[in-house]
């Protein structure tokens, strides 16, 4: 199981990225390089297609992470959008660890469902 995340230039993008890092550190899902997939690096695209379950964490409804996967005909099994968890998008790049924990817990809940 792998996780990709938006790392957009706003608070929710940074929260999405940090949540993916946290999931990887907790051995819930391996962190996968979205930029390499988006750049069509052949080995990374192949690896993404063979990864099995893929989780996408996006900061906002634009869904850059999920759409990057979908562009390559990879459908995320779980899609999280940080703003849908009640977090307002701002240009503040600070990361609130409590909010990251909320995103991580949402992923775990969806995995358990």
Protein backbone atom coordinates (compact mmCIF):
# COMPACT_ATOMS: atom_id res chain seq x y z
CA UNK A 1 0.00 0.00 0.00
CA UNK A 2 1.31 3.44 -0.96
CA UNK A 3 0.33 7.02 -0.18
CA UNK A 4 0.77 10.11 -2.36
CA UNK A 5 0.07 13.65 -1.27
CA UNK A 6 -0.40 17.11 -2.57
CA UNK A 7 2.29 19.40 -1.25
CA UNK A 8 0.69 22.60 -2.50
CA UNK A 9 1.82 26.07 -1.50
CA UNK A 10 -0.77 26.52 1.24
CA UNK A 11 -1.49 25.19 4.70
CA UNK A 12 -3.68 22.28 3.59
CA UNK A 13 -1.14 21.15 0.98
CA UNK A 14 1.57 21.07 3.61
CA UNK A 15 -0.76 19.28 6.04
CA UNK A 16 -1.52 16.67 3.34
CA UNK A 17 2.18 16.11 2.77
CA UNK A 18 2.98 15.85 6.49
CA UNK A 19 0.11 13.41 7.02
CA UNK A 20 1.56 11.19 4.28
CA UNK A 21 4.97 11.36 5.96
CA UNK A 22 3.37 10.43 9.29
CA UNK A 23 1.53 7.47 7.71
CA UNK A 24 4.82 6.27 6.27
CA UNK A 25 6.65 6.65 9.61
CA UNK A 26 3.87 4.63 11.27
CA UNK A 27 4.26 1.91 8.60
CA UNK A 28 0.65 2.34 7.52
CA UNK A 29 1.58 3.06 3.89
CA UNK A 30 4.78 3.68 2.00
CA UNK A 31 5.27 7.30 0.94
CA UNK A 32 5.39 7.53 -2.85
CA UNK A 33 6.84 10.35 -4.95
CA UNK A 34 3.97 12.09 -6.72
CA UNK A 35 6.33 14.38 -8.65
CA UNK A 36 8.10 11.41 -10.26
CA UNK A 37 4.75 9.93 -11.31
CA UNK A 38 3.61 13.29 -12.67
CA UNK A 39 6.89 13.60 -14.59
CA UNK A 40 6.20 10.19 -16.18
CA UNK A 41 9.44 8.69 -14.86
CA UNK A 42 8.97 5.23 -16.35
CA UNK A 43 10.20 3.20 -13.38
CA UNK A 44 8.08 5.20 -10.94
CA UNK A 45 4.95 4.95 -13.09
CA UNK A 46 5.47 1.19 -13.32
CA UNK A 47 5.96 0.98 -9.57
CA UNK A 48 2.81 3.04 -8.96
CA UNK A 49 0.78 0.77 -11.21
CA UNK A 50 2.08 -2.28 -9.35
CA UNK A 51 1.67 -0.81 -5.86
CA UNK A 52 -1.70 -2.35 -5.17
CA UNK A 53 -3.75 -0.07 -2.96
CA UNK A 54 -3.01 3.63 -3.41
CA UNK A 55 -4.09 6.39 -1.02
CA UNK A 56 -4.21 10.02 -2.16
CA UNK A 57 -4.25 12.91 0.27
CA UNK A 58 -5.11 16.26 -1.27
CA UNK A 59 -5.21 19.59 0.47
CA UNK A 60 -8.17 21.03 -1.39
CA UNK A 61 -10.92 20.13 -3.89
CA UNK A 62 -8.59 20.71 -6.86
CA UNK A 63 -7.29 17.18 -6.04
CA UNK A 64 -3.88 17.37 -7.71
CA UNK A 65 -2.67 14.09 -6.15
CA UNK A 66 -5.74 12.05 -7.08
CA UNK A 67 -5.90 13.55 -10.57
CA UNK A 68 -2.22 12.81 -11.19
CA UNK A 69 -2.87 9.15 -10.42
CA UNK A 70 -6.09 9.10 -12.44
CA UNK A 71 -4.25 10.60 -15.42
CA UNK A 72 -2.25 7.38 -15.44
CA UNK A 73 -5.38 5.27 -14.98
CA UNK A 74 -4.57 4.55 -11.33
CA UNK A 75 -7.65 4.96 -9.17
CA UNK A 76 -6.90 5.75 -5.51
CA UNK A 77 -8.61 3.28 -3.17
CA UNK A 78 -8.88 6.04 -0.56
CA UNK A 79 -9.08 9.76 -1.32
CA UNK A 80 -8.80 12.29 1.49
CA UNK A 81 -9.32 16.02 0.95
CA UNK A 82 -8.10 18.03 3.94
CA UNK A 83 -10.56 20.90 3.46
CA UNK A 84 -13.43 18.39 3.66
CA UNK A 85 -12.32 17.69 7.23
CA UNK A 86 -13.22 21.25 8.19
CA UNK A 87 -9.78 22.81 7.72
CA UNK A 88 -9.80 26.19 6.00
CA UNK A 89 -7.31 26.74 3.19
CA UNK A 90 -4.97 29.68 3.84
CA UNK A 91 -1.61 30.83 2.53
CA UNK A 92 -0.03 30.21 5.95
CA UNK A 93 2.45 27.38 5.49
CA UNK A 94 2.49 26.45 9.18
CA UNK A 95 1.65 22.84 9.96
CA UNK A 96 -0.60 22.08 12.92
CA UNK A 97 0.35 18.59 14.09
CA UNK A 98 -3.10 18.11 15.65
CA UNK A 99 -4.64 18.64 12.21
CA UNK A 100 -2.14 16.22 10.63
CA UNK A 101 -3.14 13.66 13.24
CA UNK A 102 -6.78 14.16 12.29
CA UNK A 103 -5.94 13.41 8.64
CA UNK A 104 -3.93 10.33 9.62
CA UNK A 105 -6.81 9.06 11.76
CA UNK A 106 -9.25 9.60 8.87
CA UNK A 107 -7.07 7.43 6.62
CA UNK A 108 -6.89 4.72 9.29
CA UNK A 109 -10.67 4.81 9.75
CA UNK A 110 -11.24 4.42 6.02
CA UNK A 111 -8.75 1.54 5.88
CA UNK A 112 -10.59 -0.20 8.71
CA UNK A 113 -14.01 0.23 7.07
